[in-house]
């Protein structure tokens, strides 16, 4: 049995976002942003692996082809956004347009995560990082930054509103794919084990259980 971790990573992100809503804790916001994107990346990789596990136990040629396509994505150097679009197309049967709100929200989350992971000094004595400025500009366009004037990029993006935005963006991207996965042949008998909880075959929607949005 595969032990999958995307649900656990998302739970960490969601719990941190909830904590940031209650206490305005900037550290919890940063945890939420980083772990939300980690959860999405893990989910896409694990979806390829569990589809392959199902295909190996069945005789459905379409499922075998689907599994091979997803495994090739997992093993390639395709970007996270590229994997998301291709996985959505393969499992949901429809393309995820680059201009769609779902794609654009995830793109911003990834840019924000990357800016945090590869954080550069900011302030009056150093040159501005264009990537950071682009992130701030896009957050402003979504009314998530509030036009605040803050020297530190780290402080600027550490808000409960941004944590909430990232959690719901990832949730909205994952749930259609996972729901489509559940419709694959043999999928209902595939028991998923994660670090946070064990889910049985009686769960009506694992997508809603594992990756719920946050109000």
N, C-alpha and C. Protein backbone atom coordinates (compact mmCIF):
# COMPACT_ATOMS: atom_id res chain seq x y z
N UNK A 1 0.84 -1.19 0.00
CA UNK A 1 0.00 0.00 0.00
C UNK A 1 0.88 1.25 0.00
N UNK A 2 0.54 2.17 -0.88
CA UNK A 2 1.26 3.44 -0.91
C UNK A 2 0.89 4.29 0.30
N UNK A 3 1.86 4.92 0.88
CA UNK A 3 1.58 5.89 1.93
C UNK A 3 1.74 7.27 1.31
N UNK A 4 0.64 7.99 1.23
CA UNK A 4 0.60 9.28 0.54
C UNK A 4 0.65 10.42 1.54
N UNK A 5 1.27 11.52 1.14
CA UNK A 5 1.54 12.60 2.09
C UNK A 5 0.91 13.94 1.71
N UNK A 6 0.31 14.04 0.54
CA UNK A 6 -0.25 15.33 0.12
C UNK A 6 -1.31 15.82 1.10
N UNK A 7 -2.17 14.91 1.55
CA UNK A 7 -3.20 15.30 2.50
C UNK A 7 -2.62 15.82 3.81
N UNK A 8 -1.53 15.19 4.25
CA UNK A 8 -0.87 15.63 5.48
C UNK A 8 -0.27 17.02 5.32
N UNK A 9 0.36 17.25 4.17
CA UNK A 9 0.96 18.56 3.92
C UNK A 9 -0.12 19.64 3.84
N UNK A 10 -1.23 19.30 3.20
CA UNK A 10 -2.31 20.28 3.10
C UNK A 10 -2.91 20.57 4.48
N UNK A 11 -3.01 19.54 5.32
CA UNK A 11 -3.54 19.74 6.68
C UNK A 11 -2.65 20.70 7.46
N UNK A 12 -1.33 20.56 7.31
CA UNK A 12 -0.40 21.48 7.97
C UNK A 12 -0.66 22.91 7.48
N UNK A 13 -0.79 23.06 6.16
CA UNK A 13 -1.03 24.39 5.59
C UNK A 13 -2.35 24.97 6.06
N UNK A 14 -3.39 24.15 6.05
CA UNK A 14 -4.72 24.64 6.43
C UNK A 14 -4.77 25.00 7.92
N UNK A 15 -4.16 24.18 8.75
CA UNK A 15 -4.12 24.49 10.18
C UNK A 15 -3.37 25.79 10.45
N UNK A 16 -2.28 25.99 9.71
CA UNK A 16 -1.51 27.22 9.88
C UNK A 16 -2.33 28.43 9.42
N UNK A 17 -3.07 28.28 8.32
CA UNK A 17 -3.91 29.38 7.84
C UNK A 17 -5.00 29.72 8.85
N UNK A 18 -5.58 28.69 9.45
CA UNK A 18 -6.60 28.93 10.47
C UNK A 18 -6.00 29.65 11.67
N UNK A 19 -4.80 29.25 12.06
CA UNK A 19 -4.14 29.91 13.19
C UNK A 19 -3.84 31.36 12.86
N UNK A 20 -3.45 31.63 11.61
CA UNK A 20 -3.16 33.01 11.22
C UNK A 20 -4.42 33.87 11.24
N UNK A 21 -5.58 33.26 10.95
CA UNK A 21 -6.84 34.00 11.00
C UNK A 21 -7.19 34.40 12.44
N UNK A 22 -6.86 33.51 13.38
CA UNK A 22 -7.22 33.76 14.78
C UNK A 22 -6.27 34.73 15.46
N UNK A 23 -4.98 34.62 15.15
CA UNK A 23 -3.98 35.34 15.92
C UNK A 23 -3.19 36.37 15.13
N UNK A 24 -3.40 36.42 13.80
CA UNK A 24 -2.61 37.30 12.94
C UNK A 24 -1.12 36.99 13.06
N UNK A 25 -0.81 35.71 13.20
CA UNK A 25 0.57 35.24 13.37
C UNK A 25 1.24 35.16 11.99
N UNK A 26 2.24 36.01 11.77
CA UNK A 26 2.90 36.05 10.47
C UNK A 26 3.61 34.74 10.14
N UNK A 27 4.19 34.09 11.13
CA UNK A 27 4.88 32.83 10.87
C UNK A 27 3.92 31.77 10.37
N UNK A 28 2.71 31.74 10.91
CA UNK A 28 1.72 30.76 10.47
C UNK A 28 1.29 31.02 9.03
N UNK A 29 1.24 32.28 8.65
CA UNK A 29 0.91 32.61 7.26
C UNK A 29 1.97 32.06 6.31
N UNK A 30 3.23 32.23 6.65
CA UNK A 30 4.30 31.74 5.79
C UNK A 30 4.26 30.22 5.68
N UNK A 31 3.99 29.56 6.79
CA UNK A 31 3.85 28.09 6.79
C UNK A 31 2.71 27.69 5.86
N UNK A 32 1.60 28.39 5.94
CA UNK A 32 0.45 28.06 5.11
C UNK A 32 0.78 28.19 3.63
N UNK A 33 1.45 29.26 3.25
CA UNK A 33 1.78 29.51 1.84
C UNK A 33 2.70 28.42 1.31
N UNK A 34 3.77 28.15 2.02
CA UNK A 34 4.78 27.19 1.54
C UNK A 34 4.21 25.78 1.51
N UNK A 35 3.52 25.37 2.56
CA UNK A 35 3.02 24.00 2.62
C UNK A 35 1.83 23.77 1.69
N UNK A 36 1.08 24.80 1.38
CA UNK A 36 -0.01 24.64 0.42
C UNK A 36 0.54 24.25 -0.95
N UNK A 37 1.59 24.94 -1.39
CA UNK A 37 2.18 24.62 -2.69
C UNK A 37 2.88 23.27 -2.63
N UNK A 38 3.52 22.95 -1.51
CA UNK A 38 4.12 21.62 -1.35
C UNK A 38 3.06 20.53 -1.47
N UNK A 39 1.90 20.78 -0.90
CA UNK A 39 0.81 19.80 -0.96
C UNK A 39 0.37 19.57 -2.39
N UNK A 40 0.25 20.64 -3.17
CA UNK A 40 -0.15 20.51 -4.56
C UNK A 40 0.87 19.70 -5.35
N UNK A 41 2.14 20.00 -5.13
CA UNK A 41 3.20 19.28 -5.85
C UNK A 41 3.19 17.80 -5.48
N UNK A 42 3.05 17.52 -4.19
CA UNK A 42 3.00 16.12 -3.74
C UNK A 42 1.77 15.42 -4.32
N UNK A 43 0.64 16.12 -4.34
CA UNK A 43 -0.59 15.52 -4.85
C UNK A 43 -0.43 15.10 -6.31
N UNK A 44 0.14 15.96 -7.14
CA UNK A 44 0.30 15.64 -8.55
C UNK A 44 1.22 14.45 -8.75
N UNK A 45 2.33 14.41 -8.00
CA UNK A 45 3.25 13.28 -8.10
C UNK A 45 2.61 11.99 -7.61
N UNK A 46 1.90 12.08 -6.49
CA UNK A 46 1.27 10.89 -5.92
C UNK A 46 0.11 10.39 -6.78
N UNK A 47 -0.58 11.29 -7.44
CA UNK A 47 -1.67 10.89 -8.32
C UNK A 47 -1.14 10.01 -9.45
N UNK A 48 0.02 10.36 -9.98
CA UNK A 48 0.63 9.53 -11.02
C UNK A 48 0.97 8.15 -10.47
N UNK A 49 1.52 8.10 -9.27
CA UNK A 49 1.94 6.83 -8.69
C UNK A 49 0.74 5.94 -8.34
N UNK A 50 -0.33 6.52 -7.79
CA UNK A 50 -1.47 5.69 -7.40
C UNK A 50 -2.28 5.26 -8.62
N UNK A 51 -2.31 6.08 -9.68
CA UNK A 51 -2.96 5.66 -10.91
C UNK A 51 -2.23 4.48 -11.51
N UNK A 52 -0.91 4.51 -11.45
CA UNK A 52 -0.10 3.40 -11.95
C UNK A 52 -0.33 2.14 -11.12
N UNK A 53 -0.48 2.31 -9.80
CA UNK A 53 -0.73 1.16 -8.93
C UNK A 53 -2.05 0.48 -9.28
N UNK A 54 -3.08 1.29 -9.59
CA UNK A 54 -4.36 0.73 -9.99
C UNK A 54 -4.25 0.04 -11.35
N UNK A 55 -3.55 0.68 -12.28
CA UNK A 55 -3.43 0.14 -13.63
C UNK A 55 -2.75 -1.23 -13.63
N UNK A 56 -1.81 -1.42 -12.73
CA UNK A 56 -1.09 -2.69 -12.67
C UNK A 56 -1.98 -3.83 -12.22
N UNK A 57 -3.07 -3.51 -11.54
CA UNK A 57 -3.96 -4.54 -11.02
C UNK A 57 -5.17 -4.78 -11.93
N UNK A 58 -5.26 -4.08 -13.05
CA UNK A 58 -6.41 -4.20 -13.93
C UNK A 58 -6.02 -4.48 -15.36
N UNK A 59 -7.05 -4.59 -16.21
CA UNK A 59 -6.82 -4.92 -17.62
C UNK A 59 -7.31 -3.81 -18.55
N UNK A 60 -7.63 -2.66 -17.99
CA UNK A 60 -8.18 -1.58 -18.79
C UNK A 60 -7.06 -0.88 -19.55
N UNK A 61 -7.02 -0.99 -20.90
CA UNK A 61 -5.93 -0.36 -21.67
C UNK A 61 -5.91 1.16 -21.56
N UNK A 62 -7.11 1.76 -21.43
CA UNK A 62 -7.17 3.21 -21.29
C UNK A 62 -6.52 3.66 -19.99
N UNK A 63 -6.78 2.90 -18.93
CA UNK A 63 -6.20 3.23 -17.63
C UNK A 63 -4.68 3.05 -17.66
N UNK A 64 -4.21 2.03 -18.34
CA UNK A 64 -2.76 1.80 -18.47
C UNK A 64 -2.11 2.97 -19.20
N UNK A 65 -2.76 3.44 -20.26
CA UNK A 65 -2.24 4.58 -21.02
C UNK A 65 -2.25 5.85 -20.17
N UNK A 66 -3.33 6.05 -19.40
CA UNK A 66 -3.41 7.21 -18.52
C UNK A 66 -2.30 7.20 -17.49
N UNK A 67 -2.07 6.02 -16.90
CA UNK A 67 -1.02 5.89 -15.88
C UNK A 67 0.35 6.19 -16.48
N UNK A 68 0.60 5.71 -17.68
CA UNK A 68 1.89 5.94 -18.32
C UNK A 68 2.12 7.42 -18.59
N UNK A 69 1.06 8.10 -19.03
CA UNK A 69 1.16 9.54 -19.29
C UNK A 69 1.49 10.30 -18.02
N UNK A 70 0.80 9.97 -16.93
CA UNK A 70 1.02 10.67 -15.67
C UNK A 70 2.40 10.36 -15.09
N UNK A 71 2.85 9.11 -15.24
CA UNK A 71 4.19 8.76 -14.74
C UNK A 71 5.27 9.52 -15.51
N UNK A 72 5.08 9.66 -16.81
CA UNK A 72 6.04 10.42 -17.60
C UNK A 72 6.10 11.87 -17.13
N UNK A 73 4.95 12.42 -16.75
CA UNK A 73 4.93 13.78 -16.21
C UNK A 73 5.70 13.84 -14.90
N UNK A 74 5.48 12.87 -14.04
CA UNK A 74 6.12 12.84 -12.72
C UNK A 74 7.63 12.74 -12.85
N UNK A 75 8.08 12.01 -13.86
CA UNK A 75 9.52 11.77 -14.03
C UNK A 75 10.19 12.84 -14.88
N UNK A 76 9.43 13.68 -15.51
CA UNK A 76 9.99 14.71 -16.39
C UNK A 76 10.41 15.93 -15.59
N UNK A 77 10.97 16.88 -16.30
CA UNK A 77 11.34 18.15 -15.69
C UNK A 77 10.25 19.21 -15.92
N UNK A 78 9.05 18.75 -16.18
CA UNK A 78 7.93 19.66 -16.38
C UNK A 78 7.72 20.50 -15.13
N UNK A 79 7.35 21.76 -15.32
CA UNK A 79 7.11 22.66 -14.19
C UNK A 79 5.86 22.20 -13.43
N UNK A 80 5.72 22.70 -12.23
CA UNK A 80 4.54 22.38 -11.43
C UNK A 80 3.27 22.81 -12.15
N UNK A 81 3.29 23.99 -12.75
CA UNK A 81 2.11 24.47 -13.47
C UNK A 81 1.83 23.61 -14.70
N UNK A 82 2.88 23.17 -15.36
CA UNK A 82 2.70 22.28 -16.51
C UNK A 82 2.10 20.95 -16.10
N UNK A 83 2.57 20.40 -14.99
CA UNK A 83 2.02 19.15 -14.48
C UNK A 83 0.55 19.30 -14.11
N UNK A 84 0.22 20.44 -13.51
CA UNK A 84 -1.17 20.68 -13.13
C UNK A 84 -2.07 20.69 -14.36
N UNK A 85 -1.69 21.42 -15.38
CA UNK A 85 -2.51 21.50 -16.58
C UNK A 85 -2.65 20.15 -17.26
N UNK A 86 -1.56 19.41 -17.35
CA UNK A 86 -1.59 18.10 -18.05
C UNK A 86 -2.37 17.07 -17.24
N UNK A 87 -2.18 17.06 -15.93
CA UNK A 87 -2.92 16.11 -15.09
C UNK A 87 -4.41 16.41 -15.15
N UNK A 88 -4.75 17.69 -15.12
CA UNK A 88 -6.17 18.08 -15.22
C UNK A 88 -6.75 17.61 -16.56
N UNK A 89 -6.00 17.78 -17.62
CA UNK A 89 -6.48 17.38 -18.94
C UNK A 89 -6.66 15.87 -19.03
N UNK A 90 -5.70 15.10 -18.50
CA UNK A 90 -5.73 13.64 -18.61
C UNK A 90 -6.86 13.05 -17.78
N UNK A 91 -7.02 13.53 -16.55
CA UNK A 91 -7.99 12.92 -15.65
C UNK A 91 -9.38 13.56 -15.75
N UNK A 92 -9.44 14.86 -15.94
CA UNK A 92 -10.74 15.54 -16.00
C UNK A 92 -11.32 15.59 -17.41
N UNK A 93 -10.46 15.36 -18.40
CA UNK A 93 -10.93 15.34 -19.78
C UNK A 93 -11.07 16.71 -20.40
N UNK A 94 -10.69 17.74 -19.68
CA UNK A 94 -10.76 19.11 -20.20
C UNK A 94 -9.47 19.84 -19.89
N UNK A 95 -9.11 20.75 -20.78
CA UNK A 95 -7.90 21.54 -20.57
C UNK A 95 -8.14 22.58 -19.48
N UNK A 96 -7.10 22.87 -18.71
CA UNK A 96 -7.14 23.97 -17.75
C UNK A 96 -6.47 25.16 -18.41
N UNK A 97 -7.25 26.09 -18.93
CA UNK A 97 -6.66 27.21 -19.69
C UNK A 97 -5.73 28.06 -18.82
N UNK A 98 -4.67 28.56 -19.43
CA UNK A 98 -3.75 29.41 -18.69
C UNK A 98 -4.42 30.71 -18.23
N UNK A 99 -5.45 31.11 -18.93
CA UNK A 99 -6.14 32.33 -18.56
C UNK A 99 -7.23 32.14 -17.52
N UNK A 100 -7.47 30.90 -17.12
CA UNK A 100 -8.53 30.63 -16.13
C UNK A 100 -8.13 31.15 -14.76
N UNK A 101 -9.13 31.47 -13.96
CA UNK A 101 -8.85 31.98 -12.62
C UNK A 101 -8.14 30.93 -11.78
N UNK A 102 -8.52 29.66 -11.94
CA UNK A 102 -7.87 28.59 -11.18
C UNK A 102 -6.37 28.56 -11.47
N UNK A 103 -6.01 28.57 -12.75
CA UNK A 103 -4.60 28.53 -13.14
C UNK A 103 -3.87 29.77 -12.65
N UNK A 104 -4.45 30.94 -12.83
CA UNK A 104 -3.79 32.18 -12.45
C UNK A 104 -3.58 32.27 -10.94
N UNK A 105 -4.53 31.77 -10.17
CA UNK A 105 -4.36 31.77 -8.70
C UNK A 105 -3.21 30.86 -8.29
N UNK A 106 -3.14 29.67 -8.89
CA UNK A 106 -2.04 28.76 -8.57
C UNK A 106 -0.71 29.35 -9.04
N UNK A 107 -0.70 29.97 -10.18
CA UNK A 107 0.54 30.59 -10.68
C UNK A 107 1.06 31.62 -9.69
N UNK A 108 0.15 32.41 -9.12
CA UNK A 108 0.56 33.42 -8.13
C UNK A 108 1.05 32.75 -6.85
N UNK A 109 0.40 31.70 -6.43
CA UNK A 109 0.85 30.97 -5.23
C UNK A 109 2.25 30.42 -5.42
N UNK A 110 2.51 29.87 -6.60
CA UNK A 110 3.84 29.31 -6.89
C UNK A 110 4.88 30.42 -6.92
N UNK A 111 4.56 31.54 -7.54
CA UNK A 111 5.49 32.67 -7.58
C UNK A 111 5.78 33.17 -6.17
N UNK A 112 4.76 33.22 -5.34
CA UNK A 112 4.95 33.67 -3.96
C UNK A 112 5.81 32.69 -3.20
N UNK A 113 5.51 31.40 -3.34
CA UNK A 113 6.32 30.38 -2.66
C UNK A 113 7.78 30.45 -3.10
N UNK A 114 8.00 30.57 -4.41
CA UNK A 114 9.37 30.63 -4.93
C UNK A 114 10.09 31.87 -4.41
N UNK A 115 9.39 32.99 -4.32
CA UNK A 115 10.01 34.22 -3.81
C UNK A 115 10.40 34.07 -2.35
N UNK A 116 9.63 33.30 -1.59
CA UNK A 116 9.95 33.06 -0.19
C UNK A 116 11.11 32.08 -0.04
N UNK A 117 11.08 31.02 -0.84
CA UNK A 117 12.12 30.00 -0.74
C UNK A 117 13.47 30.55 -1.20
N UNK A 118 13.42 31.42 -2.21
CA UNK A 118 14.66 32.02 -2.73
C UNK A 118 14.72 33.49 -2.36
N UNK A 119 14.42 33.77 -1.12
CA UNK A 119 14.31 35.15 -0.64
C UNK A 119 15.64 35.89 -0.76
N UNK A 120 15.55 37.11 -1.28
CA UNK A 120 16.71 37.97 -1.38
C UNK A 120 16.54 39.16 -0.44
N UNK A 121 17.65 39.81 -0.06
CA UNK A 121 17.54 40.98 0.82
C UNK A 121 16.68 42.06 0.19
N UNK A 122 15.98 42.81 1.03
CA UNK A 122 15.17 43.91 0.54
C UNK A 122 15.37 45.11 1.45
N UNK A 123 15.12 46.28 0.90
CA UNK A 123 15.30 47.49 1.70
C UNK A 123 15.90 48.59 0.87
N UNK A 124 16.15 49.70 1.49
CA UNK A 124 16.60 50.88 0.75
C UNK A 124 18.04 50.77 0.27
N UNK A 125 18.83 49.87 0.85
CA UNK A 125 20.24 49.80 0.50
C UNK A 125 20.54 48.75 -0.57
N UNK A 126 19.52 48.05 -1.04
CA UNK A 126 19.74 47.03 -2.06
C UNK A 126 18.77 47.26 -3.21
N UNK A 127 19.14 46.70 -4.37
CA UNK A 127 18.26 46.80 -5.53
C UNK A 127 17.00 45.96 -5.30
N UNK A 128 15.89 46.43 -5.81
CA UNK A 128 14.65 45.68 -5.67
C UNK A 128 14.69 44.41 -6.51
N UNK A 129 14.08 43.35 -5.99
CA UNK A 129 13.95 42.10 -6.72
C UNK A 129 12.70 42.20 -7.60
N UNK A 130 12.89 42.11 -8.91
CA UNK A 130 11.75 42.24 -9.82
C UNK A 130 10.69 41.19 -9.54
N UNK A 131 11.11 39.98 -9.17
CA UNK A 131 10.13 38.92 -8.90
C UNK A 131 9.27 39.29 -7.70
N UNK A 132 9.89 39.85 -6.68
CA UNK A 132 9.13 40.26 -5.51
C UNK A 132 8.16 41.38 -5.87
N UNK A 133 8.61 42.33 -6.67
CA UNK A 133 7.74 43.43 -7.08
C UNK A 133 6.56 42.92 -7.90
N UNK A 134 6.80 41.92 -8.76
CA UNK A 134 5.73 41.35 -9.55
C UNK A 134 4.69 40.66 -8.67
N UNK A 135 5.18 39.95 -7.65
CA UNK A 135 4.27 39.29 -6.72
C UNK A 135 3.42 40.31 -5.98
N UNK A 136 4.06 41.36 -5.49
CA UNK A 136 3.33 42.41 -4.78
C UNK A 136 2.29 43.05 -5.69
N UNK A 137 2.67 43.28 -6.95
CA UNK A 137 1.74 43.89 -7.90
C UNK A 137 0.51 43.00 -8.11
N UNK A 138 0.73 41.70 -8.26
CA UNK A 138 -0.40 40.80 -8.48
C UNK A 138 -1.25 40.65 -7.22
N UNK A 139 -0.62 40.67 -6.07
CA UNK A 139 -1.40 40.62 -4.83
C UNK A 139 -2.26 41.88 -4.70
N UNK A 140 -1.68 43.00 -5.09
CA UNK A 140 -2.44 44.26 -5.08
C UNK A 140 -3.65 44.20 -6.01
N UNK A 141 -3.45 43.60 -7.17
CA UNK A 141 -4.54 43.50 -8.15
C UNK A 141 -5.69 42.65 -7.62
N UNK A 142 -5.38 41.74 -6.71
CA UNK A 142 -6.41 40.89 -6.11
C UNK A 142 -6.84 41.42 -4.74
N UNK A 143 -6.43 42.63 -4.44
CA UNK A 143 -6.81 43.29 -3.17
C UNK A 143 -6.35 42.48 -1.96
N UNK A 144 -5.19 41.83 -2.08
CA UNK A 144 -4.66 41.02 -0.99
C UNK A 144 -3.51 41.71 -0.27
N UNK A 145 -3.06 42.82 -0.83
CA UNK A 145 -1.90 43.50 -0.25
C UNK A 145 -2.27 44.83 0.39
N UNK A 146 -3.33 45.40 -0.09
CA UNK A 146 -3.85 46.62 0.53
C UNK A 146 -3.02 47.87 0.30
N UNK A 147 -2.06 47.81 -0.64
CA UNK A 147 -1.27 48.99 -0.94
C UNK A 147 -0.36 49.45 0.18
N UNK A 148 -0.06 48.53 1.10
CA UNK A 148 0.78 48.92 2.23
C UNK A 148 2.21 49.22 1.77
N UNK A 149 2.88 50.13 2.46
CA UNK A 149 4.27 50.42 2.19
C UNK A 149 5.12 49.77 3.27
N UNK A 150 5.77 48.66 2.90
CA UNK A 150 6.58 47.90 3.85
C UNK A 150 7.91 47.59 3.21
N UNK A 151 8.99 47.88 3.91
CA UNK A 151 10.32 47.63 3.36
C UNK A 151 10.61 46.15 3.17
N UNK A 152 10.13 45.32 4.09
CA UNK A 152 10.44 43.90 4.06
C UNK A 152 9.39 43.12 3.27
N UNK A 153 9.84 42.42 2.24
CA UNK A 153 8.94 41.57 1.47
C UNK A 153 8.34 40.49 2.36
N UNK A 154 9.15 39.95 3.26
CA UNK A 154 8.69 38.88 4.15
C UNK A 154 7.52 39.35 5.02
N UNK A 155 7.63 40.56 5.53
CA UNK A 155 6.55 41.11 6.35
C UNK A 155 5.34 41.43 5.48
N UNK A 156 5.60 41.94 4.30
CA UNK A 156 4.51 42.39 3.42
C UNK A 156 3.56 41.26 3.05
N UNK A 157 4.10 40.06 2.83
CA UNK A 157 3.26 38.96 2.35
C UNK A 157 2.78 38.06 3.48
N UNK A 158 3.08 38.41 4.71
CA UNK A 158 2.70 37.57 5.85
C UNK A 158 1.37 38.04 6.44
N UNK A 159 0.30 37.89 5.67
CA UNK A 159 -1.00 38.32 6.14
C UNK A 159 -1.99 37.16 6.10
N UNK A 160 -2.99 37.16 6.98
CA UNK A 160 -4.00 36.08 6.99
C UNK A 160 -4.74 35.99 5.66
N UNK A 161 -4.97 37.12 4.99
CA UNK A 161 -5.68 37.11 3.72
C UNK A 161 -4.93 36.32 2.65
N UNK A 162 -3.60 36.46 2.66
CA UNK A 162 -2.79 35.75 1.68
C UNK A 162 -2.77 34.25 2.00
N UNK A 163 -2.73 33.90 3.26
CA UNK A 163 -2.78 32.49 3.65
C UNK A 163 -4.09 31.87 3.18
N UNK A 164 -5.18 32.56 3.39
CA UNK A 164 -6.50 32.08 2.98
C UNK A 164 -6.56 31.91 1.46
N UNK A 165 -6.00 32.88 0.74
CA UNK A 165 -5.99 32.83 -0.72
C UNK A 165 -5.26 31.57 -1.21
N UNK A 166 -4.11 31.27 -0.65
CA UNK A 166 -3.32 30.13 -1.10
C UNK A 166 -4.00 28.80 -0.78
N UNK A 167 -4.57 28.69 0.41
CA UNK A 167 -5.25 27.46 0.79
C UNK A 167 -6.40 27.17 -0.18
N UNK A 168 -7.23 28.15 -0.43
CA UNK A 168 -8.39 27.93 -1.29
C UNK A 168 -8.01 27.75 -2.75
N UNK A 169 -6.94 28.39 -3.19
CA UNK A 169 -6.48 28.20 -4.56
C UNK A 169 -6.05 26.75 -4.78
N UNK A 170 -5.28 26.21 -3.83
CA UNK A 170 -4.80 24.83 -3.95
C UNK A 170 -5.97 23.85 -3.81
N UNK A 171 -6.85 24.10 -2.87
CA UNK A 171 -8.02 23.24 -2.70
C UNK A 171 -8.84 23.18 -3.99
N UNK A 172 -9.08 24.33 -4.60
CA UNK A 172 -9.89 24.39 -5.81
C UNK A 172 -9.21 23.71 -6.99
N UNK A 173 -7.88 23.70 -7.00
CA UNK A 173 -7.15 23.04 -8.09
C UNK A 173 -7.13 21.52 -7.92
N UNK A 174 -7.04 21.06 -6.68
CA UNK A 174 -6.90 19.63 -6.42
C UNK A 174 -8.22 18.88 -6.51
N UNK A 175 -9.28 19.43 -5.95
CA UNK A 175 -10.51 18.66 -5.77
C UNK A 175 -11.12 18.13 -7.08
N UNK A 176 -11.15 18.90 -8.17
CA UNK A 176 -11.69 18.32 -9.42
C UNK A 176 -10.86 17.15 -9.92
N UNK A 177 -9.54 17.24 -9.79
CA UNK A 177 -8.67 16.17 -10.25
C UNK A 177 -8.87 14.92 -9.40
N UNK A 178 -8.94 15.09 -8.08
CA UNK A 178 -9.11 13.93 -7.21
C UNK A 178 -10.48 13.30 -7.40
N UNK A 179 -11.49 14.12 -7.61
CA UNK A 179 -12.83 13.58 -7.86
C UNK A 179 -12.85 12.77 -9.15
N UNK A 180 -12.15 13.22 -10.18
CA UNK A 180 -12.06 12.47 -11.44
C UNK A 180 -11.28 11.18 -11.24
N UNK A 181 -10.22 11.24 -10.42
CA UNK A 181 -9.45 10.04 -10.12
C UNK A 181 -10.32 8.97 -9.48
N UNK A 182 -11.22 9.39 -8.61
CA UNK A 182 -12.09 8.44 -7.92
C UNK A 182 -13.04 7.71 -8.87
N UNK A 183 -13.21 8.26 -10.09
CA UNK A 183 -14.09 7.62 -11.06
C UNK A 183 -13.36 6.60 -11.93
N UNK A 184 -12.05 6.48 -11.77
CA UNK A 184 -11.29 5.52 -12.56
C UNK A 184 -11.68 4.10 -12.17
N UNK A 185 -11.59 3.15 -13.11
CA UNK A 185 -11.85 1.75 -12.76
C UNK A 185 -10.94 1.29 -11.62
N UNK A 186 -11.53 0.59 -10.67
CA UNK A 186 -10.82 0.05 -9.50
C UNK A 186 -10.49 1.09 -8.45
N UNK A 187 -10.62 2.36 -8.73
CA UNK A 187 -10.24 3.38 -7.76
C UNK A 187 -10.99 3.28 -6.44
N UNK A 188 -12.31 2.98 -6.43
CA UNK A 188 -13.01 2.90 -5.14
C UNK A 188 -12.45 1.87 -4.19
N UNK A 189 -11.72 0.87 -4.73
CA UNK A 189 -11.16 -0.16 -3.85
C UNK A 189 -9.71 0.12 -3.48
N UNK A 190 -9.24 1.28 -3.89
CA UNK A 190 -7.86 1.66 -3.57
C UNK A 190 -7.85 2.44 -2.27
N UNK A 191 -7.37 1.85 -1.20
CA UNK A 191 -7.38 2.47 0.12
C UNK A 191 -6.19 3.40 0.26
N UNK A 192 -6.47 4.63 0.64
CA UNK A 192 -5.42 5.64 0.76
C UNK A 192 -5.00 5.80 2.21
N UNK A 193 -3.72 5.71 2.46
CA UNK A 193 -3.20 5.90 3.81
C UNK A 193 -2.35 7.15 3.84
N UNK A 194 -2.64 8.05 4.78
CA UNK A 194 -1.84 9.26 4.94
C UNK A 194 -1.46 9.39 6.40
N UNK A 195 -0.55 10.30 6.69
CA UNK A 195 -0.04 10.43 8.05
C UNK A 195 -1.09 10.95 9.03
N UNK A 196 -2.01 11.80 8.57
CA UNK A 196 -2.95 12.43 9.47
C UNK A 196 -4.11 11.53 9.82
N UNK A 197 -4.64 10.79 8.85
CA UNK A 197 -5.82 9.97 9.09
C UNK A 197 -5.85 8.81 8.10
N UNK A 198 -6.60 7.76 8.45
CA UNK A 198 -6.84 6.65 7.55
C UNK A 198 -8.24 6.84 6.96
N UNK A 199 -8.36 6.68 5.65
CA UNK A 199 -9.65 6.84 5.00
C UNK A 199 -10.11 5.48 4.47
N UNK A 200 -11.35 5.16 4.71
CA UNK A 200 -11.90 3.89 4.24
C UNK A 200 -12.61 4.07 2.91
N UNK A 201 -13.04 2.96 2.31
CA UNK A 201 -13.74 3.02 1.04
C UNK A 201 -15.13 3.62 1.19
N UNK A 202 -15.60 3.80 2.42
CA UNK A 202 -16.93 4.34 2.63
C UNK A 202 -16.98 5.87 2.54
N UNK A 203 -15.82 6.52 2.49
CA UNK A 203 -15.83 7.97 2.39
C UNK A 203 -16.49 8.38 1.07
N UNK A 204 -17.47 9.27 1.11
CA UNK A 204 -18.20 9.66 -0.09
C UNK A 204 -17.34 10.51 -1.02
N UNK A 205 -16.50 11.35 -0.47
CA UNK A 205 -15.64 12.19 -1.29
C UNK A 205 -14.34 12.44 -0.55
N UNK A 206 -13.32 11.74 -0.93
CA UNK A 206 -12.03 11.93 -0.28
C UNK A 206 -11.46 13.31 -0.59
N UNK A 207 -11.81 13.84 -1.76
CA UNK A 207 -11.32 15.17 -2.12
C UNK A 207 -11.80 16.20 -1.11
N UNK A 208 -13.08 16.15 -0.76
CA UNK A 208 -13.61 17.12 0.21
C UNK A 208 -13.09 16.88 1.61
N UNK A 209 -12.76 15.63 1.93
CA UNK A 209 -12.24 15.31 3.27
C UNK A 209 -10.80 15.75 3.41
N UNK A 210 -10.00 15.48 2.40
CA UNK A 210 -8.56 15.73 2.48
C UNK A 210 -8.17 17.17 2.14
N UNK A 211 -8.90 17.78 1.21
CA UNK A 211 -8.48 19.09 0.71
C UNK A 211 -9.63 20.10 0.75
N UNK A 212 -10.24 20.29 1.91
CA UNK A 212 -11.38 21.22 2.00
C UNK A 212 -10.93 22.67 1.92
N UNK A 213 -11.75 23.52 1.31
CA UNK A 213 -11.44 24.96 1.32
C UNK A 213 -11.62 25.53 2.72
N UNK A 214 -11.18 26.74 2.90
CA UNK A 214 -11.25 27.39 4.21
C UNK A 214 -12.08 28.65 4.08
N UNK A 215 -13.12 28.77 4.90
CA UNK A 215 -14.00 29.94 4.84
C UNK A 215 -13.31 31.16 5.46
